[in-house]
Amino acid sequence: FYDNSKFVTYFLRLINKTQNSKNNLSENMGFLEDKKRTLTNLELAIREGLVDEEIIPILNKINNLSNYYTTSSCIGRVGIMEIPKDKNPKLYSRWLGKWHHYATYDEMFNALKERKNGYIVFVMNSPILHIACKDIESAKKMLELAIHSGLKASSIKSVSDRRVIVEILTTYKVDAPIGEDGELFVDDNYLKFLLDYSNLKLKKAREILIRWVNRLDELR
């Protein structure tokens, strides 16, 4: 009598290993295809002036890493929004003014002249990037590097067979209601203070981002 159980076990393990290798190859090919398509679209967007100029060198550095590519980004901004009361704010809110540079008092006061209806909110959004990672291990390394560099609000946003999306973000943010239906509830001195404060926070957020960028070579 010949006991072939060991052979069968070995054969099944070999099949499983081969299948896993095929699956990994397929997933890698899917990631590479997605990266190529996304970077082609990015090049078109850059040519059309749709990408913040200050962030382009950062995008290039990330996209040169084999296990990563960027899907969206913003260098950060300061702005004033008018948010409707009785309509979907995602569809009907409008910018009275928004600036990726450090805005001036004149720019702010000129933007406020456009106010009409709804809530008036002064905002500062930190730089934000969404990065596609080849696998969960690559995502973990990217996330750890970001958090250790000071980008404390960074997180994993989604996981799929083709990629893992990591969001890069600081904790700095400003959302300050300043008026309603065309009426301002604060004086000019407070508005100037709010702009100075937001510009300072935006500057600090960008400094933290650059600290992380300078460490990206650790992921090669």
N, C-alpha and C. Protein backbone atom coordinates (compact mmCIF):
# COMPACT_ATOMS: atom_id res chain seq x y z
N PHE A 1 0.85 -1.19 0.00
CA PHE A 1 0.00 0.00 0.00
C PHE A 1 0.89 1.25 0.00
N TYR A 2 0.54 2.19 -0.90
CA TYR A 2 1.34 3.41 -1.02
C TYR A 2 0.54 4.59 -0.48
N ASP A 3 1.05 5.24 0.54
CA ASP A 3 0.39 6.40 1.14
C ASP A 3 0.82 7.66 0.38
N ASN A 4 -0.10 8.19 -0.42
CA ASN A 4 0.23 9.35 -1.24
C ASN A 4 -0.29 10.66 -0.63
N SER A 5 -0.68 10.63 0.66
CA SER A 5 -1.26 11.82 1.27
C SER A 5 -0.26 12.98 1.31
N LYS A 6 1.02 12.66 1.57
CA LYS A 6 2.03 13.71 1.62
C LYS A 6 2.22 14.34 0.24
N PHE A 7 2.16 13.47 -0.79
CA PHE A 7 2.32 13.98 -2.15
C PHE A 7 1.15 14.88 -2.52
N VAL A 8 -0.06 14.46 -2.16
CA VAL A 8 -1.26 15.25 -2.45
C VAL A 8 -1.19 16.60 -1.76
N THR A 9 -0.77 16.59 -0.48
CA THR A 9 -0.65 17.83 0.28
C THR A 9 0.36 18.77 -0.38
N TYR A 10 1.50 18.21 -0.76
CA TYR A 10 2.54 19.01 -1.43
C TYR A 10 2.01 19.57 -2.75
N PHE A 11 1.28 18.73 -3.51
CA PHE A 11 0.77 19.16 -4.81
C PHE A 11 -0.26 20.29 -4.65
N LEU A 12 -1.12 20.17 -3.65
CA LEU A 12 -2.13 21.21 -3.41
C LEU A 12 -1.47 22.52 -2.99
N ARG A 13 -0.43 22.43 -2.17
CA ARG A 13 0.29 23.63 -1.77
C ARG A 13 0.96 24.29 -2.97
N LEU A 14 1.49 23.47 -3.85
CA LEU A 14 2.14 24.00 -5.05
C LEU A 14 1.13 24.73 -5.94
N ILE A 15 -0.06 24.13 -6.11
CA ILE A 15 -1.11 24.75 -6.90
C ILE A 15 -1.53 26.09 -6.29
N ASN A 16 -1.69 26.07 -4.95
CA ASN A 16 -2.11 27.28 -4.25
C ASN A 16 -1.06 28.39 -4.39
N LYS A 17 0.22 28.00 -4.27
CA LYS A 17 1.31 28.97 -4.40
C LYS A 17 1.33 29.56 -5.82
N THR A 18 1.12 28.68 -6.81
CA THR A 18 1.11 29.14 -8.20
C THR A 18 -0.05 30.09 -8.45
N GLN A 19 -1.23 29.74 -7.89
CA GLN A 19 -2.40 30.58 -8.05
C GLN A 19 -2.20 31.94 -7.40
N ASN A 20 -1.60 31.92 -6.20
CA ASN A 20 -1.33 33.19 -5.51
C ASN A 20 -0.37 34.06 -6.32
N SER A 21 0.62 33.42 -6.92
CA SER A 21 1.58 34.16 -7.74
C SER A 21 0.88 34.80 -8.92
N LYS A 22 -0.03 34.03 -9.56
CA LYS A 22 -0.80 34.57 -10.68
C LYS A 22 -1.67 35.74 -10.24
N ASN A 23 -2.31 35.59 -9.07
CA ASN A 23 -3.17 36.66 -8.56
C ASN A 23 -2.35 37.92 -8.27
N ASN A 24 -1.18 37.72 -7.65
CA ASN A 24 -0.31 38.87 -7.35
C ASN A 24 0.15 39.56 -8.62
N LEU A 25 0.49 38.75 -9.64
CA LEU A 25 0.92 39.32 -10.91
C LEU A 25 -0.21 40.12 -11.55
N SER A 26 -1.43 39.55 -11.48
CA SER A 26 -2.58 40.24 -12.04
C SER A 26 -2.85 41.55 -11.32
N GLU A 27 -2.75 41.53 -9.99
CA GLU A 27 -2.98 42.74 -9.20
C GLU A 27 -1.92 43.79 -9.51
N ASN A 28 -0.65 43.35 -9.64
CA ASN A 28 0.43 44.29 -9.96
C ASN A 28 0.21 44.92 -11.33
N MET A 29 -0.23 44.10 -12.30
CA MET A 29 -0.50 44.63 -13.63
C MET A 29 -1.64 45.65 -13.58
N GLY A 30 -2.66 45.34 -12.78
CA GLY A 30 -3.78 46.28 -12.63
C GLY A 30 -3.32 47.59 -12.03
N PHE A 31 -2.46 47.53 -11.04
CA PHE A 31 -1.92 48.74 -10.40
C PHE A 31 -1.11 49.55 -11.40
N LEU A 32 -0.26 48.88 -12.17
CA LEU A 32 0.58 49.57 -13.15
C LEU A 32 -0.26 50.21 -14.25
N GLU A 33 -1.31 49.52 -14.67
CA GLU A 33 -2.21 50.08 -15.70
C GLU A 33 -2.91 51.32 -15.17
N ASP A 34 -3.40 51.23 -13.93
CA ASP A 34 -4.08 52.38 -13.31
C ASP A 34 -3.12 53.55 -13.17
N LYS A 35 -1.88 53.26 -12.77
CA LYS A 35 -0.90 54.33 -12.59
C LYS A 35 -0.59 55.02 -13.91
N LYS A 36 -0.39 54.24 -14.95
CA LYS A 36 -0.09 54.82 -16.26
C LYS A 36 -1.23 55.71 -16.74
N ARG A 37 -2.46 55.24 -16.60
CA ARG A 37 -3.62 56.02 -17.04
C ARG A 37 -3.77 57.30 -16.22
N THR A 38 -3.59 57.19 -14.90
CA THR A 38 -3.74 58.34 -14.03
C THR A 38 -2.68 59.40 -14.30
N LEU A 39 -1.45 58.98 -14.51
CA LEU A 39 -0.36 59.94 -14.77
C LEU A 39 -0.52 60.61 -16.13
N THR A 40 -1.10 59.90 -17.09
CA THR A 40 -1.39 60.52 -18.39
C THR A 40 -2.41 61.64 -18.21
N ASN A 41 -3.45 61.36 -17.43
CA ASN A 41 -4.47 62.39 -17.15
C ASN A 41 -3.87 63.56 -16.37
N LEU A 42 -2.94 63.26 -15.47
CA LEU A 42 -2.28 64.32 -14.70
C LEU A 42 -1.49 65.25 -15.62
N GLU A 43 -0.78 64.67 -16.57
CA GLU A 43 0.00 65.48 -17.51
C GLU A 43 -0.91 66.42 -18.30
N LEU A 44 -2.07 65.93 -18.70
CA LEU A 44 -3.02 66.77 -19.42
C LEU A 44 -3.53 67.90 -18.53
N ALA A 45 -3.82 67.57 -17.29
CA ALA A 45 -4.32 68.58 -16.36
C ALA A 45 -3.27 69.66 -16.10
N ILE A 46 -2.00 69.26 -16.01
CA ILE A 46 -0.92 70.23 -15.80
C ILE A 46 -0.81 71.16 -16.99
N ARG A 47 -0.89 70.60 -18.20
CA ARG A 47 -0.81 71.42 -19.40
C ARG A 47 -1.95 72.43 -19.48
N GLU A 48 -3.12 72.05 -18.96
CA GLU A 48 -4.28 72.93 -19.01
C GLU A 48 -4.33 73.90 -17.83
N GLY A 49 -3.31 73.84 -16.96
CA GLY A 49 -3.26 74.75 -15.83
C GLY A 49 -4.25 74.44 -14.72
N LEU A 50 -4.62 73.18 -14.60
CA LEU A 50 -5.62 72.77 -13.61
C LEU A 50 -5.00 72.26 -12.31
N VAL A 51 -3.67 72.26 -12.23
CA VAL A 51 -2.98 71.73 -11.05
C VAL A 51 -2.18 72.86 -10.40
N ASP A 52 -2.26 72.97 -9.06
CA ASP A 52 -1.50 73.99 -8.34
C ASP A 52 -0.01 73.86 -8.69
N GLU A 53 0.58 74.94 -9.16
CA GLU A 53 1.98 74.87 -9.59
C GLU A 53 2.92 74.46 -8.46
N GLU A 54 2.61 74.94 -7.24
CA GLU A 54 3.50 74.67 -6.11
C GLU A 54 3.56 73.20 -5.74
N ILE A 55 2.53 72.45 -6.12
CA ILE A 55 2.48 71.05 -5.69
C ILE A 55 3.03 70.10 -6.76
N ILE A 56 3.27 70.60 -7.96
CA ILE A 56 3.72 69.72 -9.05
C ILE A 56 5.03 69.00 -8.72
N PRO A 57 6.07 69.68 -8.17
CA PRO A 57 7.30 68.94 -7.82
C PRO A 57 7.06 67.84 -6.79
N ILE A 58 6.10 68.06 -5.89
CA ILE A 58 5.77 67.04 -4.89
C ILE A 58 5.12 65.84 -5.57
N LEU A 59 4.19 66.10 -6.49
CA LEU A 59 3.54 65.02 -7.22
C LEU A 59 4.56 64.20 -8.00
N ASN A 60 5.49 64.89 -8.65
CA ASN A 60 6.51 64.19 -9.43
C ASN A 60 7.35 63.27 -8.55
N LYS A 61 7.69 63.74 -7.36
CA LYS A 61 8.52 62.93 -6.46
C LYS A 61 7.77 61.67 -6.02
N ILE A 62 6.49 61.81 -5.71
CA ILE A 62 5.69 60.65 -5.30
C ILE A 62 5.51 59.69 -6.47
N ASN A 63 5.19 60.24 -7.63
CA ASN A 63 4.90 59.40 -8.79
C ASN A 63 6.14 58.68 -9.33
N ASN A 64 7.31 59.11 -8.93
CA ASN A 64 8.54 58.41 -9.31
C ASN A 64 8.83 57.21 -8.41
N LEU A 65 8.05 57.05 -7.35
CA LEU A 65 8.17 55.87 -6.48
C LEU A 65 7.39 54.72 -7.11
N SER A 66 8.00 53.55 -7.20
CA SER A 66 7.40 52.44 -7.96
C SER A 66 6.08 51.95 -7.38
N ASN A 67 5.90 52.04 -6.07
CA ASN A 67 4.71 51.48 -5.44
C ASN A 67 3.60 52.49 -5.17
N TYR A 68 3.75 53.70 -5.73
CA TYR A 68 2.80 54.76 -5.40
C TYR A 68 2.50 55.65 -6.61
N TYR A 69 1.31 56.27 -6.58
CA TYR A 69 1.02 57.37 -7.50
C TYR A 69 -0.10 58.22 -6.90
N THR A 70 -0.16 59.48 -7.29
CA THR A 70 -1.15 60.40 -6.74
C THR A 70 -2.43 60.37 -7.57
N THR A 71 -3.57 60.52 -6.90
CA THR A 71 -4.86 60.55 -7.59
C THR A 71 -5.52 61.92 -7.52
N SER A 72 -5.21 62.71 -6.48
CA SER A 72 -5.73 64.07 -6.38
C SER A 72 -4.87 64.84 -5.38
N SER A 73 -4.92 66.17 -5.47
CA SER A 73 -4.07 66.95 -4.58
C SER A 73 -4.52 68.41 -4.54
N CYS A 74 -4.13 69.09 -3.46
CA CYS A 74 -4.31 70.53 -3.34
C CYS A 74 -3.22 71.04 -2.40
N ILE A 75 -2.60 72.16 -2.73
CA ILE A 75 -1.51 72.71 -1.93
C ILE A 75 -2.03 73.43 -0.69
N GLY A 76 -3.36 73.50 -0.53
CA GLY A 76 -3.96 74.22 0.59
C GLY A 76 -4.47 75.57 0.13
N ARG A 77 -5.43 76.12 0.87
CA ARG A 77 -6.03 77.38 0.45
C ARG A 77 -6.73 78.08 1.61
N VAL A 78 -6.90 79.37 1.42
CA VAL A 78 -7.73 80.20 2.31
C VAL A 78 -8.86 80.76 1.46
N GLY A 79 -10.05 80.84 2.01
CA GLY A 79 -11.16 81.36 1.22
C GLY A 79 -12.37 81.74 2.04
N ILE A 80 -13.34 82.32 1.36
CA ILE A 80 -14.61 82.69 1.97
C ILE A 80 -15.73 82.07 1.15
N MET A 81 -16.57 81.29 1.82
CA MET A 81 -17.67 80.60 1.15
C MET A 81 -19.01 81.18 1.55
N GLU A 82 -19.94 81.13 0.61
CA GLU A 82 -21.33 81.47 0.90
C GLU A 82 -22.14 80.18 0.76
N ILE A 83 -22.73 79.73 1.86
CA ILE A 83 -23.38 78.43 1.92
C ILE A 83 -24.90 78.63 2.03
N PRO A 84 -25.68 78.09 1.10
CA PRO A 84 -27.14 78.28 1.14
C PRO A 84 -27.78 77.58 2.33
N LYS A 85 -28.91 78.13 2.76
CA LYS A 85 -29.61 77.55 3.91
C LYS A 85 -30.57 76.44 3.51
N ASP A 86 -31.21 76.57 2.36
CA ASP A 86 -32.31 75.67 1.99
C ASP A 86 -32.01 74.84 0.75
N LYS A 87 -30.72 74.76 0.36
CA LYS A 87 -30.33 73.94 -0.78
C LYS A 87 -29.15 73.07 -0.40
N ASN A 88 -28.88 72.09 -1.22
CA ASN A 88 -27.75 71.20 -0.96
C ASN A 88 -26.45 72.00 -1.01
N PRO A 89 -25.73 72.11 0.12
CA PRO A 89 -24.51 72.93 0.14
C PRO A 89 -23.42 72.42 -0.79
N LYS A 90 -23.38 71.10 -1.04
CA LYS A 90 -22.36 70.55 -1.93
C LYS A 90 -22.56 71.02 -3.37
N LEU A 91 -23.83 71.30 -3.71
CA LEU A 91 -24.14 71.70 -5.08
C LEU A 91 -24.22 73.22 -5.25
N TYR A 92 -24.67 73.92 -4.21
CA TYR A 92 -25.01 75.33 -4.39
C TYR A 92 -24.15 76.30 -3.58
N SER A 93 -23.20 75.81 -2.80
CA SER A 93 -22.27 76.74 -2.14
C SER A 93 -21.41 77.41 -3.20
N ARG A 94 -20.96 78.62 -2.92
CA ARG A 94 -20.09 79.30 -3.88
C ARG A 94 -18.98 80.03 -3.15
N TRP A 95 -17.85 80.12 -3.84
CA TRP A 95 -16.69 80.83 -3.29
C TRP A 95 -16.85 82.32 -3.59
N LEU A 96 -16.81 83.14 -2.55
CA LEU A 96 -16.70 84.57 -2.75
C LEU A 96 -15.27 84.92 -3.14
N GLY A 97 -14.35 84.13 -2.63
CA GLY A 97 -12.93 84.26 -2.98
C GLY A 97 -12.18 83.08 -2.41
N LYS A 98 -11.16 82.61 -3.13
CA LYS A 98 -10.29 81.56 -2.59
C LYS A 98 -8.90 81.77 -3.16
N TRP A 99 -7.89 81.50 -2.32
CA TRP A 99 -6.52 81.81 -2.68
C TRP A 99 -5.58 80.69 -2.24
N HIS A 100 -4.78 80.21 -3.18
CA HIS A 100 -3.75 79.24 -2.85
C HIS A 100 -2.46 79.94 -2.40
N HIS A 101 -2.36 81.22 -2.71
CA HIS A 101 -1.26 82.02 -2.16
C HIS A 101 -1.72 82.60 -0.82
N TYR A 102 -0.85 83.34 -0.16
CA TYR A 102 -1.23 83.96 1.11
C TYR A 102 -1.96 85.25 0.80
N ALA A 103 -3.26 85.24 1.02
CA ALA A 103 -4.14 86.33 0.59
C ALA A 103 -3.85 87.62 1.35
N THR A 104 -4.23 88.72 0.73
CA THR A 104 -4.05 90.05 1.32
C THR A 104 -5.38 90.56 1.86
N TYR A 105 -5.30 91.61 2.68
CA TYR A 105 -6.52 92.23 3.19
C TYR A 105 -7.41 92.72 2.05
N ASP A 106 -6.81 93.36 1.04
CA ASP A 106 -7.60 93.89 -0.08
C ASP A 106 -8.34 92.77 -0.81
N GLU A 107 -7.67 91.64 -1.03
CA GLU A 107 -8.33 90.52 -1.70
C GLU A 107 -9.51 90.02 -0.87
N MET A 108 -9.34 89.95 0.43
CA MET A 108 -10.41 89.48 1.29
C MET A 108 -11.61 90.44 1.27
N PHE A 109 -11.36 91.74 1.44
CA PHE A 109 -12.46 92.70 1.50
C PHE A 109 -13.16 92.84 0.15
N ASN A 110 -12.42 92.73 -0.94
CA ASN A 110 -13.05 92.76 -2.25
C ASN A 110 -13.96 91.55 -2.47
N ALA A 111 -13.52 90.38 -1.99
CA ALA A 111 -14.34 89.18 -2.11
C ALA A 111 -15.63 89.32 -1.32
N LEU A 112 -15.55 89.93 -0.15
CA LEU A 112 -16.73 90.07 0.71
C LEU A 112 -17.79 90.99 0.10
N LYS A 113 -17.40 91.82 -0.84
CA LYS A 113 -18.38 92.68 -1.51
C LYS A 113 -19.37 91.87 -2.34
N GLU A 114 -19.04 90.61 -2.64
CA GLU A 114 -19.88 89.76 -3.48
C GLU A 114 -20.94 89.00 -2.67
N ARG A 115 -20.99 89.20 -1.37
CA ARG A 115 -21.90 88.42 -0.52
C ARG A 115 -23.36 88.79 -0.82
N LYS A 116 -24.23 87.77 -0.71
CA LYS A 116 -25.65 87.97 -1.00
C LYS A 116 -26.53 87.26 0.03
N ASN A 117 -26.67 85.93 -0.15
CA ASN A 117 -27.57 85.16 0.71
C ASN A 117 -26.86 83.92 1.26
N GLY A 118 -27.33 83.49 2.45
CA GLY A 118 -26.78 82.28 3.05
C GLY A 118 -25.75 82.59 4.11
N TYR A 119 -25.18 81.52 4.66
CA TYR A 119 -24.15 81.65 5.68
C TYR A 119 -22.82 82.05 5.02
N ILE A 120 -22.09 82.96 5.67
CA ILE A 120 -20.79 83.37 5.18
C ILE A 120 -19.74 82.75 6.10
N VAL A 121 -18.87 81.94 5.52
CA VAL A 121 -17.91 81.17 6.33
C VAL A 121 -16.49 81.39 5.81
N PHE A 122 -15.60 81.74 6.72
CA PHE A 122 -14.17 81.89 6.40
C PHE A 122 -13.51 80.53 6.63
N VAL A 123 -12.75 80.05 5.63
CA VAL A 123 -12.17 78.71 5.73
C VAL A 123 -10.68 78.72 5.41
N MET A 124 -9.97 77.80 6.01
CA MET A 124 -8.60 77.48 5.64
C MET A 124 -8.50 75.97 5.55
N ASN A 125 -8.13 75.47 4.38
CA ASN A 125 -7.95 74.04 4.16
C ASN A 125 -6.46 73.74 4.02
N SER A 126 -5.99 72.79 4.79
CA SER A 126 -4.58 72.36 4.71
C SER A 126 -4.30 71.67 3.38
N PRO A 127 -3.02 71.56 3.02
CA PRO A 127 -2.67 70.74 1.85
C PRO A 127 -3.21 69.32 2.03
N ILE A 128 -3.63 68.73 0.93
CA ILE A 128 -4.17 67.38 0.99
C ILE A 128 -3.77 66.62 -0.27
N LEU A 129 -3.40 65.37 -0.11
CA LEU A 129 -3.07 64.50 -1.24
C LEU A 129 -3.72 63.14 -1.02
N HIS A 130 -4.14 62.53 -2.11
CA HIS A 130 -4.58 61.15 -2.08
C HIS A 130 -3.60 60.33 -2.91
N ILE A 131 -3.08 59.30 -2.28
CA ILE A 131 -2.02 58.50 -2.90
C ILE A 131 -2.47 57.04 -3.01
N ALA A 132 -2.37 56.49 -4.23
CA ALA A 132 -2.66 55.08 -4.44
C ALA A 132 -1.40 54.27 -4.15
N CYS A 133 -1.56 53.24 -3.32
CA CYS A 133 -0.44 52.38 -2.92
C CYS A 133 -0.66 50.98 -3.49
N LYS A 134 0.41 50.31 -3.86
CA LYS A 134 0.31 49.01 -4.54
C LYS A 134 -0.39 47.97 -3.68
N ASP A 135 -0.13 47.98 -2.37
CA ASP A 135 -0.71 46.98 -1.48
C ASP A 135 -0.77 47.55 -0.06
N ILE A 136 -1.29 46.76 0.85
CA ILE A 136 -1.50 47.24 2.21
C ILE A 136 -0.18 47.51 2.91
N GLU A 137 0.86 46.73 2.58
CA GLU A 137 2.17 46.95 3.19
C GLU A 137 2.76 48.29 2.74
N SER A 138 2.63 48.60 1.46
CA SER A 138 3.09 49.90 0.95
C SER A 138 2.31 51.04 1.59
N ALA A 139 1.01 50.84 1.75
CA ALA A 139 0.16 51.86 2.36
C ALA A 139 0.56 52.10 3.81
N LYS A 140 0.86 51.03 4.52
CA LYS A 140 1.27 51.14 5.92
C LYS A 140 2.55 51.96 6.05
N LYS A 141 3.51 51.71 5.16
CA LYS A 141 4.77 52.45 5.19
C LYS A 141 4.55 53.93 4.90
N MET A 142 3.70 54.22 3.91
CA MET A 142 3.40 55.61 3.57
C MET A 142 2.71 56.32 4.73
N LEU A 143 1.74 55.65 5.34
CA LEU A 143 0.99 56.25 6.43
C LEU A 143 1.89 56.50 7.64
N GLU A 144 2.72 55.55 7.98
CA GLU A 144 3.63 55.72 9.12
C GLU A 144 4.60 56.88 8.89
N LEU A 145 5.12 57.00 7.68
CA LEU A 145 6.04 58.10 7.37
C LEU A 145 5.33 59.44 7.49
N ALA A 146 4.09 59.51 7.02
CA ALA A 146 3.32 60.76 7.09
C ALA A 146 3.06 61.16 8.54
N ILE A 147 2.57 60.23 9.34
CA ILE A 147 2.24 60.55 10.73
C ILE A 147 3.48 60.92 11.52
N HIS A 148 4.57 60.19 11.30
CA HIS A 148 5.81 60.49 12.02
C HIS A 148 6.44 61.81 11.57
N SER A 149 6.03 62.30 10.39
CA SER A 149 6.53 63.59 9.90
C SER A 149 5.67 64.75 10.39
N GLY A 150 4.55 64.45 11.05
CA GLY A 150 3.69 65.50 11.59
C GLY A 150 2.35 65.64 10.91
N LEU A 151 2.09 64.81 9.90
CA LEU A 151 0.80 64.86 9.19
C LEU A 151 -0.19 63.95 9.93
N LYS A 152 -0.63 64.42 11.09
CA LYS A 152 -1.32 63.58 12.05
C LYS A 152 -2.73 63.16 11.63
N ALA A 153 -3.34 63.86 10.69
CA ALA A 153 -4.70 63.52 10.26
C ALA A 153 -4.71 62.57 9.06
N SER A 154 -3.55 62.07 8.68
CA SER A 154 -3.47 61.14 7.55
C SER A 154 -4.13 59.81 7.91
N SER A 155 -4.66 59.13 6.88
CA SER A 155 -5.38 57.87 7.15
C SER A 155 -5.52 57.06 5.86
N ILE A 156 -5.89 55.79 6.03
CA ILE A 156 -6.23 54.94 4.89
C ILE A 156 -7.70 55.16 4.58
N LYS A 157 -8.01 55.54 3.33
CA LYS A 157 -9.39 55.89 2.96
C LYS A 157 -10.13 54.74 2.31
N SER A 158 -9.43 53.88 1.57
CA SER A 158 -10.11 52.76 0.92
C SER A 158 -9.11 51.66 0.59
N VAL A 159 -9.64 50.43 0.50
CA VAL A 159 -8.81 49.26 0.19
C VAL A 159 -9.53 48.44 -0.88
N SER A 160 -8.81 48.08 -1.95
CA SER A 160 -9.36 47.22 -2.99
C SER A 160 -8.28 46.27 -3.47
N ASP A 161 -8.64 45.37 -4.39
CA ASP A 161 -7.66 44.42 -4.92
C ASP A 161 -6.59 45.11 -5.75
N ARG A 162 -6.93 46.28 -6.32
CA ARG A 162 -6.00 46.95 -7.24
C ARG A 162 -5.12 47.98 -6.55
N ARG A 163 -5.60 48.54 -5.42
CA ARG A 163 -4.83 49.60 -4.77
C ARG A 163 -5.41 49.92 -3.40
N VAL A 164 -4.59 50.62 -2.60
CA VAL A 164 -5.01 51.13 -1.30
C VAL A 164 -4.80 52.65 -1.33
N ILE A 165 -5.82 53.41 -0.97
CA ILE A 165 -5.73 54.87 -1.03
C ILE A 165 -5.40 55.43 0.35
N VAL A 166 -4.32 56.20 0.43
CA VAL A 166 -3.93 56.89 1.66
C VAL A 166 -4.16 58.39 1.48
N GLU A 167 -4.78 59.00 2.46
CA GLU A 167 -4.99 60.45 2.46
C GLU A 167 -3.93 61.11 3.33
N ILE A 168 -3.22 62.09 2.78
CA ILE A 168 -2.18 62.82 3.49
C ILE A 168 -2.74 64.17 3.92
N LEU A 169 -2.71 64.46 5.24
CA LEU A 169 -3.39 65.65 5.74
C LEU A 169 -2.86 66.05 7.12
N THR A 170 -2.80 67.37 7.37
CA THR A 170 -2.45 67.85 8.71
C THR A 170 -3.73 68.06 9.52
N THR A 171 -3.56 68.42 10.77
CA THR A 171 -4.71 68.70 11.63
C THR A 171 -5.14 70.16 11.56
N TYR A 172 -4.40 71.00 10.83
CA TYR A 172 -4.71 72.43 10.77
C TYR A 172 -5.92 72.69 9.88
N LYS A 173 -6.89 73.44 10.42
CA LYS A 173 -8.10 73.75 9.65
C LYS A 173 -8.83 74.92 10.31
N VAL A 174 -9.47 75.75 9.50
CA VAL A 174 -10.27 76.85 10.02
C VAL A 174 -11.63 76.83 9.33
N ASP A 175 -12.70 76.86 10.11
CA ASP A 175 -14.07 77.03 9.62
C ASP A 175 -14.75 78.01 10.56
N ALA A 176 -14.82 79.28 10.18
CA ALA A 176 -15.33 80.33 11.07
C ALA A 176 -16.50 81.06 10.44
N PRO A 177 -17.72 80.88 10.96
CA PRO A 177 -18.86 81.66 10.47
C PRO A 177 -18.64 83.14 10.79
N ILE A 178 -18.84 84.01 9.79
CA ILE A 178 -18.62 85.45 10.02
C ILE A 178 -19.83 86.30 9.64
N GLY A 179 -20.89 85.67 9.10
CA GLY A 179 -22.05 86.47 8.73
C GLY A 179 -23.16 85.62 8.15
N GLU A 180 -24.24 86.31 7.77
CA GLU A 180 -25.42 85.62 7.25
C GLU A 180 -26.24 86.58 6.39
N ASP A 181 -26.69 86.09 5.23
CA ASP A 181 -27.56 86.86 4.33
C ASP A 181 -27.04 88.26 4.05
N GLY A 182 -25.76 88.32 3.75
CA GLY A 182 -25.17 89.60 3.37
C GLY A 182 -24.69 90.46 4.52
N GLU A 183 -25.03 90.09 5.76
CA GLU A 183 -24.63 90.88 6.93
C GLU A 183 -23.44 90.22 7.63
N LEU A 184 -22.41 91.02 7.91
CA LEU A 184 -21.25 90.53 8.65
C LEU A 184 -21.45 90.75 10.14
N PHE A 185 -21.11 89.76 10.94
CA PHE A 185 -21.26 89.84 12.39
C PHE A 185 -19.96 90.20 13.09
N VAL A 186 -18.89 90.41 12.34
CA VAL A 186 -17.59 90.74 12.91
C VAL A 186 -17.07 92.01 12.24
N ASP A 187 -16.15 92.71 12.92
CA ASP A 187 -15.62 93.95 12.36
C ASP A 187 -14.37 93.69 11.53
N ASP A 188 -13.85 94.74 10.92
CA ASP A 188 -12.70 94.61 10.04
C ASP A 188 -11.46 94.12 10.76
N ASN A 189 -11.29 94.54 12.02
CA ASN A 189 -10.11 94.11 12.77
C ASN A 189 -10.11 92.59 12.98
N TYR A 190 -11.30 92.06 13.29
CA TYR A 190 -11.37 90.60 13.47
C TYR A 190 -11.11 89.88 12.15
N LEU A 191 -11.63 90.41 11.05
CA LEU A 191 -11.40 89.79 9.75
C LEU A 191 -9.91 89.78 9.41
N LYS A 192 -9.23 90.87 9.71
CA LYS A 192 -7.78 90.93 9.47
C LYS A 192 -7.05 89.91 10.33
N PHE A 193 -7.47 89.82 11.58
CA PHE A 193 -6.87 88.82 12.48
C PHE A 193 -7.10 87.42 11.95
N LEU A 194 -8.33 87.14 11.48
CA LEU A 194 -8.67 85.81 10.97
C LEU A 194 -7.84 85.46 9.75
N LEU A 195 -7.62 86.42 8.87
CA LEU A 195 -6.81 86.17 7.69
C LEU A 195 -5.35 85.92 8.07
N ASP A 196 -4.81 86.74 8.97
CA ASP A 196 -3.42 86.54 9.41
C ASP A 196 -3.25 85.18 10.07
N TYR A 197 -4.20 84.83 10.92
CA TYR A 197 -4.16 83.54 11.63
C TYR A 197 -4.20 82.38 10.63
N SER A 198 -5.10 82.47 9.64
CA SER A 198 -5.26 81.39 8.66
C SER A 198 -4.04 81.28 7.76
N ASN A 199 -3.49 82.41 7.35
CA ASN A 199 -2.27 82.37 6.53
C ASN A 199 -1.12 81.72 7.30
N LEU A 200 -1.04 82.02 8.59
CA LEU A 200 0.01 81.43 9.43
C LEU A 200 -0.17 79.92 9.55
N LYS A 201 -1.41 79.49 9.77
CA LYS A 201 -1.69 78.05 9.87
C LYS A 201 -1.42 77.34 8.55
N LEU A 202 -1.75 77.99 7.45
CA LEU A 202 -1.49 77.39 6.15
C LEU A 202 0.02 77.26 5.92
N LYS A 203 0.76 78.27 6.31
CA LYS A 203 2.22 78.23 6.17
C LYS A 203 2.81 77.08 6.99
N LYS A 204 2.34 76.92 8.22
CA LYS A 204 2.84 75.84 9.07
C LYS A 204 2.48 74.47 8.50
N ALA A 205 1.26 74.36 7.97
CA ALA A 205 0.83 73.09 7.37
C ALA A 205 1.71 72.73 6.19
N ARG A 206 2.07 73.72 5.38
CA ARG A 206 2.93 73.46 4.22
C ARG A 206 4.35 73.08 4.66
N GLU A 207 4.81 73.66 5.74
CA GLU A 207 6.13 73.30 6.25
C GLU A 207 6.16 71.84 6.69
N ILE A 208 5.09 71.39 7.33
CA ILE A 208 5.01 69.99 7.74
C ILE A 208 4.97 69.08 6.52
N LEU A 209 4.23 69.50 5.50
CA LEU A 209 4.15 68.72 4.26
C LEU A 209 5.54 68.55 3.64
N ILE A 210 6.31 69.64 3.59
CA ILE A 210 7.65 69.58 3.00
C ILE A 210 8.57 68.68 3.83
N ARG A 211 8.39 68.68 5.14
CA ARG A 211 9.17 67.79 6.00
C ARG A 211 8.94 66.33 5.59
N TRP A 212 7.68 66.00 5.31
CA TRP A 212 7.34 64.64 4.85
C TRP A 212 7.91 64.37 3.46
N VAL A 213 7.80 65.35 2.57
CA VAL A 213 8.31 65.19 1.20
C VAL A 213 9.81 64.88 1.22
N ASN A 214 10.52 65.55 2.10
CA ASN A 214 11.98 65.37 2.18
C ASN A 214 12.38 63.98 2.67
N ARG A 215 11.41 63.23 3.20
CA ARG A 215 11.69 61.88 3.68
C ARG A 215 11.17 60.79 2.75
N LEU A 216 10.57 61.18 1.62
CA LEU A 216 9.94 60.19 0.75
C LEU A 216 10.93 59.18 0.17
N ASP A 217 12.18 59.57 0.05
CA ASP A 217 13.18 58.63 -0.48
C ASP A 217 13.34 57.40 0.41
N GLU A 218 12.89 57.49 1.65
CA GLU A 218 12.94 56.33 2.55
C GLU A 218 12.03 55.20 2.06
N LEU A 219 11.10 55.51 1.16
CA LEU A 219 10.16 54.51 0.67
C LEU A 219 10.65 53.81 -0.60
N ARG A 220 11.82 54.17 -1.08
CA ARG A 220 12.35 53.52 -2.29
C ARG A 220 12.81 52.09 -2.00
